[in-house]
Amino acid sequence: ASLGELRIPNSVTGRIDFNLRECTNLSNVVIGRGVSEVAPFIFSAAPNQSLSVKVDPENPFLSIKDGVLFSRDGTCFIRCLTPKEGCYEVPEGVELIFANAFSGCKNLERVVLSDSVAQFNMCAISWCPKLEEVYVGRRVEYIYRRNVRSCAELRAINVDTNNPFLSSKDGVLFDK
């Protein structure tokens, strides 16, 4: 498709749920103030790594900080809009990490889930070929087999010793 910019008007309310896979020339997305939720896969299929996404500053539901789309209150980590590199520490206050949140961060080597994170969804960390370690804070209760997916260099999932649900030894994850 030849769409270069997608503007979701303020009159659109609720969840936006579509796929940008065929929008090979898309360079800008502007989310209006009525959008309250974004489907977790909406940006993961966009082939343009330099996609610019903006949220109307008056949107009471969504915000962007440091290249990451969050819920306005900061409790939901929706999607990395700019690929992360090296080590990324999920900010304190985030409780939920959406599916595909880190999808395609090709130079990400380590993810630290802060102690406030209680849940991260299926494929939350996926297609990160250089990822070596995931550090899990105190509140995560379980990790499904597919929470971290297609990360060929993953060597360790380490868990905070004060986590009452999970533990790790030498990078291997265990239930308590």
N, C-alpha and C. Protein backbone atom coordinates (compact mmCIF):
# COMPACT_ATOMS: atom_id res chain seq x y z
N ALA A 1 0.84 -1.18 0.00
CA ALA A 1 0.00 0.00 0.00
C ALA A 1 0.88 1.24 0.00
N SER A 2 0.37 2.33 -0.50
CA SER A 2 1.17 3.55 -0.60
C SER A 2 0.85 4.55 0.50
N LEU A 3 0.14 4.14 1.50
CA LEU A 3 -0.21 5.02 2.62
C LEU A 3 1.07 5.49 3.32
N GLY A 4 1.29 6.80 3.39
CA GLY A 4 2.48 7.35 4.04
C GLY A 4 2.21 7.78 5.47
N GLU A 5 0.99 8.26 5.72
CA GLU A 5 0.63 8.71 7.07
C GLU A 5 -0.77 8.21 7.41
N LEU A 6 -0.91 7.75 8.62
CA LEU A 6 -2.21 7.31 9.12
C LEU A 6 -2.57 8.20 10.30
N ARG A 7 -3.68 8.93 10.16
CA ARG A 7 -4.17 9.77 11.25
C ARG A 7 -5.48 9.17 11.74
N ILE A 8 -5.48 8.80 13.01
CA ILE A 8 -6.70 8.27 13.61
C ILE A 8 -7.35 9.46 14.29
N PRO A 9 -8.50 9.91 13.76
CA PRO A 9 -9.10 11.16 14.24
C PRO A 9 -9.60 11.07 15.68
N ASN A 10 -9.77 12.23 16.28
CA ASN A 10 -10.25 12.31 17.66
C ASN A 10 -11.64 11.70 17.82
N SER A 11 -12.38 11.62 16.73
CA SER A 11 -13.74 11.05 16.79
C SER A 11 -13.75 9.53 16.94
N VAL A 12 -12.63 8.88 16.65
CA VAL A 12 -12.53 7.43 16.82
C VAL A 12 -12.29 7.16 18.29
N THR A 13 -13.18 6.35 18.88
CA THR A 13 -13.06 6.04 20.30
C THR A 13 -12.93 4.54 20.51
N GLY A 14 -12.38 4.17 21.64
CA GLY A 14 -12.24 2.77 21.99
C GLY A 14 -10.94 2.18 21.49
N ARG A 15 -10.99 0.89 21.22
CA ARG A 15 -9.81 0.11 20.81
C ARG A 15 -9.59 0.20 19.31
N ILE A 16 -8.34 0.37 18.91
CA ILE A 16 -8.01 0.23 17.49
C ILE A 16 -7.33 -1.12 17.31
N ASP A 17 -7.78 -1.83 16.32
CA ASP A 17 -7.36 -3.22 16.17
C ASP A 17 -7.25 -3.54 14.68
N PHE A 18 -6.11 -3.25 14.11
CA PHE A 18 -5.87 -3.57 12.70
C PHE A 18 -4.40 -3.87 12.53
N ASN A 19 -4.00 -4.28 11.33
CA ASN A 19 -2.65 -4.73 11.06
C ASN A 19 -2.01 -3.83 10.02
N LEU A 20 -0.78 -3.42 10.27
CA LEU A 20 -0.07 -2.53 9.35
C LEU A 20 0.92 -3.28 8.45
N ARG A 21 0.79 -4.58 8.37
CA ARG A 21 1.73 -5.42 7.62
C ARG A 21 1.92 -4.97 6.17
N GLU A 22 0.89 -4.61 5.48
CA GLU A 22 0.98 -4.25 4.07
C GLU A 22 1.31 -2.77 3.84
N CYS A 23 1.47 -2.02 4.89
CA CYS A 23 1.72 -0.58 4.75
C CYS A 23 3.23 -0.33 4.69
N THR A 24 3.85 -0.75 3.60
CA THR A 24 5.30 -0.70 3.48
C THR A 24 5.85 0.72 3.40
N ASN A 25 5.06 1.69 3.01
CA ASN A 25 5.51 3.07 2.91
C ASN A 25 5.05 3.93 4.08
N LEU A 26 4.39 3.32 5.03
CA LEU A 26 3.88 4.07 6.18
C LEU A 26 5.05 4.61 7.01
N SER A 27 5.05 5.92 7.24
CA SER A 27 6.14 6.51 8.03
C SER A 27 5.62 7.23 9.28
N ASN A 28 4.35 7.60 9.31
CA ASN A 28 3.80 8.33 10.45
C ASN A 28 2.42 7.80 10.83
N VAL A 29 2.22 7.65 12.14
CA VAL A 29 0.91 7.31 12.69
C VAL A 29 0.63 8.32 13.80
N VAL A 30 -0.56 8.92 13.74
CA VAL A 30 -0.98 9.86 14.78
C VAL A 30 -2.26 9.30 15.39
N ILE A 31 -2.23 9.07 16.70
CA ILE A 31 -3.37 8.49 17.42
C ILE A 31 -4.12 9.62 18.10
N GLY A 32 -5.40 9.75 17.78
CA GLY A 32 -6.24 10.81 18.34
C GLY A 32 -6.55 10.61 19.81
N ARG A 33 -7.22 11.59 20.39
CA ARG A 33 -7.46 11.57 21.83
C ARG A 33 -8.56 10.62 22.27
N GLY A 34 -9.37 10.08 21.34
CA GLY A 34 -10.44 9.17 21.73
C GLY A 34 -10.02 7.72 21.83
N VAL A 35 -8.85 7.35 21.30
CA VAL A 35 -8.40 5.95 21.31
C VAL A 35 -7.99 5.58 22.73
N SER A 36 -8.62 4.53 23.26
CA SER A 36 -8.33 4.13 24.64
C SER A 36 -7.43 2.91 24.72
N GLU A 37 -7.35 2.14 23.64
CA GLU A 37 -6.56 0.91 23.67
C GLU A 37 -6.05 0.62 22.27
N VAL A 38 -4.86 0.02 22.22
CA VAL A 38 -4.24 -0.35 20.95
C VAL A 38 -3.99 -1.85 20.99
N ALA A 39 -4.39 -2.56 19.95
CA ALA A 39 -4.13 -4.00 19.88
C ALA A 39 -2.63 -4.24 19.97
N PRO A 40 -2.20 -5.26 20.69
CA PRO A 40 -0.77 -5.45 20.93
C PRO A 40 0.05 -5.73 19.67
N PHE A 41 -0.56 -6.23 18.63
CA PHE A 41 0.20 -6.59 17.43
C PHE A 41 0.18 -5.52 16.36
N ILE A 42 -0.49 -4.41 16.58
CA ILE A 42 -0.70 -3.41 15.54
C ILE A 42 0.61 -2.90 14.94
N PHE A 43 1.62 -2.65 15.75
CA PHE A 43 2.88 -2.13 15.24
C PHE A 43 3.91 -3.22 15.00
N SER A 44 3.71 -4.40 15.54
CA SER A 44 4.71 -5.46 15.41
C SER A 44 4.85 -5.94 13.97
N ALA A 45 3.82 -5.79 13.17
CA ALA A 45 3.90 -6.25 11.79
C ALA A 45 4.34 -5.15 10.83
N ALA A 46 4.49 -3.94 11.31
CA ALA A 46 4.89 -2.83 10.44
C ALA A 46 6.34 -3.02 10.01
N PRO A 47 6.60 -3.07 8.71
CA PRO A 47 7.95 -3.36 8.24
C PRO A 47 8.91 -2.18 8.36
N ASN A 48 8.42 -1.00 8.57
CA ASN A 48 9.26 0.19 8.58
C ASN A 48 9.76 0.45 10.00
N GLN A 49 11.04 0.17 10.27
CA GLN A 49 11.61 0.36 11.60
C GLN A 49 11.63 1.83 12.02
N SER A 50 11.54 2.74 11.07
CA SER A 50 11.59 4.16 11.42
C SER A 50 10.19 4.77 11.50
N LEU A 51 9.21 3.95 11.78
CA LEU A 51 7.84 4.42 11.91
C LEU A 51 7.72 5.39 13.07
N SER A 52 7.20 6.57 12.80
CA SER A 52 6.98 7.58 13.83
C SER A 52 5.54 7.48 14.32
N VAL A 53 5.37 7.30 15.62
CA VAL A 53 4.03 7.20 16.21
C VAL A 53 3.90 8.33 17.22
N LYS A 54 2.79 9.05 17.13
CA LYS A 54 2.51 10.13 18.07
C LYS A 54 1.12 9.92 18.64
N VAL A 55 0.94 10.34 19.87
CA VAL A 55 -0.36 10.28 20.54
C VAL A 55 -0.76 11.72 20.86
N ASP A 56 -2.01 12.05 20.57
CA ASP A 56 -2.52 13.37 20.91
C ASP A 56 -2.24 13.63 22.40
N PRO A 57 -1.63 14.78 22.73
CA PRO A 57 -1.30 15.06 24.14
C PRO A 57 -2.53 15.12 25.05
N GLU A 58 -3.71 15.29 24.47
CA GLU A 58 -4.94 15.32 25.27
C GLU A 58 -5.58 13.94 25.42
N ASN A 59 -4.93 12.90 24.87
CA ASN A 59 -5.46 11.55 25.02
C ASN A 59 -5.33 11.14 26.49
N PRO A 60 -6.47 10.83 27.16
CA PRO A 60 -6.41 10.49 28.58
C PRO A 60 -6.01 9.04 28.85
N PHE A 61 -5.81 8.24 27.79
CA PHE A 61 -5.58 6.80 27.95
C PHE A 61 -4.17 6.35 27.61
N LEU A 62 -3.52 7.02 26.65
CA LEU A 62 -2.23 6.57 26.12
C LEU A 62 -1.19 7.67 26.16
N SER A 63 0.07 7.28 26.26
CA SER A 63 1.17 8.24 26.20
C SER A 63 2.42 7.55 25.67
N ILE A 64 3.34 8.34 25.19
CA ILE A 64 4.62 7.82 24.71
C ILE A 64 5.72 8.46 25.54
N LYS A 65 6.61 7.62 26.05
CA LYS A 65 7.76 8.10 26.80
C LYS A 65 8.99 7.30 26.38
N ASP A 66 10.03 7.99 25.99
CA ASP A 66 11.29 7.35 25.59
C ASP A 66 11.08 6.26 24.55
N GLY A 67 10.21 6.53 23.57
CA GLY A 67 10.00 5.58 22.48
C GLY A 67 9.16 4.37 22.83
N VAL A 68 8.44 4.43 23.95
CA VAL A 68 7.58 3.32 24.37
C VAL A 68 6.16 3.83 24.53
N LEU A 69 5.20 3.07 24.00
CA LEU A 69 3.78 3.38 24.16
C LEU A 69 3.30 2.75 25.47
N PHE A 70 2.80 3.61 26.37
CA PHE A 70 2.29 3.19 27.67
C PHE A 70 0.83 3.58 27.81
N SER A 71 0.15 2.97 28.78
CA SER A 71 -1.12 3.52 29.22
C SER A 71 -0.78 4.85 29.89
N ARG A 72 -1.71 5.79 29.89
CA ARG A 72 -1.45 7.13 30.44
C ARG A 72 -0.97 7.07 31.89
N ASP A 73 -1.54 6.12 32.67
CA ASP A 73 -1.14 6.02 34.08
C ASP A 73 0.18 5.28 34.28
N GLY A 74 0.75 4.77 33.19
CA GLY A 74 2.06 4.13 33.25
C GLY A 74 2.05 2.70 33.77
N THR A 75 0.88 2.11 33.97
CA THR A 75 0.83 0.75 34.51
C THR A 75 0.93 -0.32 33.42
N CYS A 76 0.66 0.05 32.17
CA CYS A 76 0.71 -0.91 31.06
C CYS A 76 1.78 -0.51 30.05
N PHE A 77 2.68 -1.41 29.77
CA PHE A 77 3.74 -1.23 28.77
C PHE A 77 3.19 -1.90 27.51
N ILE A 78 2.84 -1.09 26.52
CA ILE A 78 2.15 -1.62 25.35
C ILE A 78 3.10 -2.05 24.25
N ARG A 79 4.07 -1.19 23.91
CA ARG A 79 4.92 -1.51 22.77
C ARG A 79 6.14 -0.60 22.68
N CYS A 80 7.29 -1.18 22.41
CA CYS A 80 8.47 -0.38 22.06
C CYS A 80 8.24 0.14 20.65
N LEU A 81 8.21 1.44 20.50
CA LEU A 81 8.01 2.03 19.18
C LEU A 81 9.35 2.30 18.49
N THR A 82 10.38 2.47 19.27
CA THR A 82 11.74 2.55 18.73
C THR A 82 12.49 1.37 19.33
N PRO A 83 13.16 0.59 18.49
CA PRO A 83 13.84 -0.61 18.98
C PRO A 83 14.84 -0.30 20.09
N LYS A 84 14.80 -1.08 21.14
CA LYS A 84 15.71 -0.89 22.26
C LYS A 84 17.01 -1.66 22.00
N GLU A 85 18.09 -1.14 22.59
CA GLU A 85 19.41 -1.75 22.44
C GLU A 85 20.04 -1.96 23.80
N GLY A 86 20.96 -2.90 23.88
CA GLY A 86 21.67 -3.14 25.14
C GLY A 86 20.72 -3.62 26.22
N CYS A 87 20.76 -2.94 27.36
CA CYS A 87 19.90 -3.29 28.49
C CYS A 87 18.74 -2.31 28.58
N TYR A 88 17.54 -2.84 28.74
CA TYR A 88 16.38 -1.99 28.96
C TYR A 88 15.74 -2.37 30.28
N GLU A 89 15.56 -1.38 31.16
CA GLU A 89 14.90 -1.59 32.44
C GLU A 89 13.48 -1.07 32.36
N VAL A 90 12.52 -1.95 32.55
CA VAL A 90 11.11 -1.55 32.54
C VAL A 90 10.89 -0.62 33.73
N PRO A 91 10.31 0.56 33.49
CA PRO A 91 10.15 1.53 34.58
C PRO A 91 9.32 1.00 35.74
N GLU A 92 9.68 1.43 36.93
CA GLU A 92 8.89 1.12 38.12
C GLU A 92 7.50 1.72 37.93
N GLY A 93 6.48 0.99 38.32
CA GLY A 93 5.10 1.42 38.14
C GLY A 93 4.38 0.62 37.07
N VAL A 94 5.14 0.05 36.13
CA VAL A 94 4.53 -0.81 35.10
C VAL A 94 4.14 -2.12 35.77
N GLU A 95 2.87 -2.53 35.58
CA GLU A 95 2.38 -3.77 36.17
C GLU A 95 2.15 -4.86 35.13
N LEU A 96 1.86 -4.46 33.90
CA LEU A 96 1.53 -5.41 32.83
C LEU A 96 2.31 -5.06 31.57
N ILE A 97 2.90 -6.07 30.96
CA ILE A 97 3.59 -5.90 29.68
C ILE A 97 2.79 -6.67 28.64
N PHE A 98 2.35 -5.95 27.61
CA PHE A 98 1.50 -6.53 26.57
C PHE A 98 2.26 -7.52 25.69
N ALA A 99 1.50 -8.37 25.00
CA ALA A 99 2.06 -9.27 23.99
C ALA A 99 2.79 -8.45 22.94
N ASN A 100 3.90 -8.95 22.48
CA ASN A 100 4.72 -8.33 21.43
C ASN A 100 5.33 -6.99 21.83
N ALA A 101 5.37 -6.68 23.10
CA ALA A 101 5.87 -5.38 23.56
C ALA A 101 7.30 -5.11 23.09
N PHE A 102 8.14 -6.12 23.12
CA PHE A 102 9.54 -5.96 22.71
C PHE A 102 9.83 -6.61 21.36
N SER A 103 8.82 -6.99 20.64
CA SER A 103 9.01 -7.72 19.38
C SER A 103 9.92 -6.96 18.41
N GLY A 104 10.94 -7.65 17.94
CA GLY A 104 11.81 -7.09 16.91
C GLY A 104 12.88 -6.14 17.40
N CYS A 105 13.14 -6.09 18.69
CA CYS A 105 14.24 -5.25 19.19
C CYS A 105 15.54 -6.03 18.94
N LYS A 106 16.07 -5.89 17.76
CA LYS A 106 17.16 -6.74 17.27
C LYS A 106 18.47 -6.61 18.03
N ASN A 107 18.70 -5.49 18.72
CA ASN A 107 19.95 -5.30 19.45
C ASN A 107 19.77 -5.27 20.95
N LEU A 108 18.62 -5.73 21.41
CA LEU A 108 18.35 -5.80 22.84
C LEU A 108 19.09 -7.01 23.41
N GLU A 109 19.85 -6.79 24.49
CA GLU A 109 20.65 -7.87 25.07
C GLU A 109 20.14 -8.32 26.44
N ARG A 110 19.47 -7.41 27.15
CA ARG A 110 19.00 -7.73 28.50
C ARG A 110 17.74 -6.93 28.79
N VAL A 111 16.76 -7.58 29.42
CA VAL A 111 15.55 -6.91 29.87
C VAL A 111 15.44 -7.12 31.37
N VAL A 112 15.19 -6.03 32.09
CA VAL A 112 15.01 -6.09 33.54
C VAL A 112 13.55 -5.72 33.82
N LEU A 113 12.80 -6.67 34.36
CA LEU A 113 11.41 -6.42 34.74
C LEU A 113 11.42 -5.88 36.17
N SER A 114 11.02 -4.64 36.33
CA SER A 114 11.04 -4.01 37.65
C SER A 114 10.14 -4.77 38.62
N ASP A 115 10.29 -4.47 39.90
CA ASP A 115 9.52 -5.16 40.92
C ASP A 115 8.02 -4.91 40.82
N SER A 116 7.61 -3.86 40.14
CA SER A 116 6.18 -3.59 40.00
C SER A 116 5.50 -4.48 38.96
N VAL A 117 6.27 -5.09 38.06
CA VAL A 117 5.69 -5.93 37.00
C VAL A 117 5.14 -7.20 37.63
N ALA A 118 3.84 -7.43 37.43
CA ALA A 118 3.19 -8.64 37.95
C ALA A 118 2.93 -9.65 36.83
N GLN A 119 2.77 -9.15 35.60
CA GLN A 119 2.41 -10.05 34.50
C GLN A 119 3.02 -9.55 33.20
N PHE A 120 3.53 -10.49 32.41
CA PHE A 120 3.87 -10.15 31.04
C PHE A 120 3.32 -11.23 30.15
N ASN A 121 2.70 -10.79 29.08
CA ASN A 121 1.89 -11.67 28.24
C ASN A 121 2.71 -12.48 27.24
N MET A 122 2.00 -13.43 26.60
CA MET A 122 2.62 -14.30 25.63
C MET A 122 3.37 -13.50 24.57
N CYS A 123 4.55 -13.92 24.26
CA CYS A 123 5.40 -13.30 23.25
C CYS A 123 5.74 -11.85 23.58
N ALA A 124 5.66 -11.47 24.84
CA ALA A 124 5.99 -10.10 25.22
C ALA A 124 7.40 -9.74 24.79
N ILE A 125 8.29 -10.70 24.92
CA ILE A 125 9.67 -10.52 24.48
C ILE A 125 9.89 -11.54 23.37
N SER A 126 9.91 -11.06 22.12
CA SER A 126 10.01 -12.00 21.00
C SER A 126 10.82 -11.39 19.86
N TRP A 127 11.45 -12.28 19.12
CA TRP A 127 12.23 -11.89 17.94
C TRP A 127 13.30 -10.86 18.31
N CYS A 128 14.00 -11.16 19.39
CA CYS A 128 15.13 -10.34 19.85
C CYS A 128 16.38 -11.23 19.76
N PRO A 129 17.02 -11.29 18.60
CA PRO A 129 18.07 -12.28 18.36
C PRO A 129 19.32 -12.15 19.22
N LYS A 130 19.56 -10.99 19.82
CA LYS A 130 20.75 -10.80 20.66
C LYS A 130 20.45 -10.86 22.15
N LEU A 131 19.18 -11.08 22.51
CA LEU A 131 18.80 -11.11 23.92
C LEU A 131 19.49 -12.28 24.61
N GLU A 132 20.20 -11.97 25.71
CA GLU A 132 20.91 -13.00 26.46
C GLU A 132 20.29 -13.29 27.82
N GLU A 133 19.64 -12.26 28.42
CA GLU A 133 19.12 -12.44 29.77
C GLU A 133 17.84 -11.67 29.99
N VAL A 134 16.94 -12.27 30.78
CA VAL A 134 15.76 -11.60 31.30
C VAL A 134 15.85 -11.69 32.82
N TYR A 135 15.76 -10.53 33.47
CA TYR A 135 15.75 -10.49 34.92
C TYR A 135 14.32 -10.23 35.36
N VAL A 136 13.80 -11.09 36.25
CA VAL A 136 12.42 -11.03 36.70
C VAL A 136 12.37 -10.52 38.13
N GLY A 137 11.56 -9.48 38.34
CA GLY A 137 11.43 -8.88 39.67
C GLY A 137 10.58 -9.71 40.62
N ARG A 138 10.16 -9.08 41.71
CA ARG A 138 9.49 -9.76 42.82
C ARG A 138 8.05 -10.20 42.58
N ARG A 139 7.32 -9.55 41.67
CA ARG A 139 5.88 -9.78 41.61
C ARG A 139 5.41 -10.74 40.51
N VAL A 140 6.25 -11.09 39.56
CA VAL A 140 5.81 -12.00 38.49
C VAL A 140 5.53 -13.37 39.11
N GLU A 141 4.30 -13.87 38.87
CA GLU A 141 3.89 -15.13 39.48
C GLU A 141 4.19 -16.34 38.61
N TYR A 142 4.18 -16.16 37.31
CA TYR A 142 4.42 -17.29 36.41
C TYR A 142 4.97 -16.79 35.08
N ILE A 143 5.67 -17.66 34.42
CA ILE A 143 6.20 -17.37 33.09
C ILE A 143 5.82 -18.55 32.21
N TYR A 144 5.08 -18.25 31.17
CA TYR A 144 4.71 -19.30 30.23
C TYR A 144 5.87 -19.56 29.29
N ARG A 145 5.86 -20.71 28.70
CA ARG A 145 6.90 -21.10 27.76
C ARG A 145 7.06 -20.10 26.63
N ARG A 146 5.97 -19.46 26.22
CA ARG A 146 6.03 -18.56 25.07
C ARG A 146 6.08 -17.08 25.46
N ASN A 147 6.31 -16.77 26.73
CA ASN A 147 6.46 -15.35 27.10
C ASN A 147 7.70 -14.75 26.45
N VAL A 148 8.75 -15.54 26.39
CA VAL A 148 9.99 -15.15 25.73
C VAL A 148 10.16 -16.13 24.57
N ARG A 149 10.12 -15.58 23.34
CA ARG A 149 10.06 -16.46 22.17
C ARG A 149 11.01 -15.99 21.07
N SER A 150 11.61 -16.95 20.39
CA SER A 150 12.49 -16.70 19.25
C SER A 150 13.61 -15.72 19.59
N CYS A 151 14.24 -16.00 20.71
CA CYS A 151 15.41 -15.23 21.17
C CYS A 151 16.57 -16.22 21.25
N ALA A 152 17.23 -16.43 20.12
CA ALA A 152 18.21 -17.50 19.96
C ALA A 152 19.39 -17.44 20.93
N GLU A 153 19.76 -16.26 21.39
CA GLU A 153 20.92 -16.11 22.27
C GLU A 153 20.56 -16.12 23.75
N LEU A 154 19.29 -16.34 24.09
CA LEU A 154 18.88 -16.32 25.50
C LEU A 154 19.63 -17.39 26.27
N ARG A 155 20.32 -16.94 27.31
CA ARG A 155 21.14 -17.85 28.12
C ARG A 155 20.62 -17.97 29.55
N ALA A 156 19.84 -16.96 30.00
CA ALA A 156 19.45 -17.00 31.41
C ALA A 156 18.16 -16.21 31.65
N ILE A 157 17.34 -16.78 32.52
CA ILE A 157 16.23 -16.04 33.12
C ILE A 157 16.53 -16.06 34.61
N ASN A 158 16.87 -14.89 35.13
CA ASN A 158 17.23 -14.77 36.54
C ASN A 158 16.10 -14.08 37.30
N VAL A 159 15.84 -14.54 38.51
CA VAL A 159 14.71 -14.08 39.29
C VAL A 159 15.20 -13.47 40.60
N ASP A 160 14.58 -12.35 40.99
CA ASP A 160 14.87 -11.71 42.27
C ASP A 160 14.68 -12.74 43.38
N THR A 161 15.60 -12.78 44.32
CA THR A 161 15.53 -13.77 45.40
C THR A 161 14.32 -13.57 46.31
N ASN A 162 13.72 -12.38 46.28
CA ASN A 162 12.53 -12.11 47.10
C ASN A 162 11.22 -12.42 46.39
N ASN A 163 11.28 -12.99 45.20
CA ASN A 163 10.06 -13.37 44.49
C ASN A 163 9.47 -14.61 45.17
N PRO A 164 8.21 -14.55 45.67
CA PRO A 164 7.64 -15.69 46.38
C PRO A 164 7.12 -16.81 45.48
N PHE A 165 7.10 -16.59 44.17
CA PHE A 165 6.50 -17.55 43.25
C PHE A 165 7.51 -18.30 42.39
N LEU A 166 8.60 -17.62 42.04
CA LEU A 166 9.59 -18.17 41.10
C LEU A 166 10.99 -18.07 41.70
N SER A 167 11.87 -18.89 41.18
CA SER A 167 13.28 -18.80 41.55
C SER A 167 14.12 -19.18 40.34
N SER A 168 15.40 -18.95 40.44
CA SER A 168 16.30 -19.36 39.37
C SER A 168 17.62 -19.80 39.98
N LYS A 169 18.25 -20.69 39.29
CA LYS A 169 19.59 -21.13 39.68
C LYS A 169 20.40 -21.25 38.42
N ASP A 170 21.50 -20.53 38.37
CA ASP A 170 22.38 -20.53 37.20
C ASP A 170 21.61 -20.20 35.92
N GLY A 171 20.64 -19.27 36.02
CA GLY A 171 19.90 -18.83 34.86
C GLY A 171 18.74 -19.72 34.45
N VAL A 172 18.50 -20.79 35.21
CA VAL A 172 17.40 -21.71 34.92
C VAL A 172 16.22 -21.35 35.82
N LEU A 173 15.04 -21.25 35.26
CA LEU A 173 13.83 -20.83 35.95
C LEU A 173 13.13 -22.00 36.61
N PHE A 174 12.65 -21.76 37.86
CA PHE A 174 11.91 -22.77 38.62
C PHE A 174 10.70 -22.13 39.28
N ASP A 175 9.64 -22.94 39.50
CA ASP A 175 8.54 -22.55 40.37
C ASP A 175 8.98 -22.81 41.80
N LYS A 176 8.42 -22.03 42.74
CA LYS A 176 8.72 -22.31 44.15
C LYS A 176 7.67 -23.24 44.72
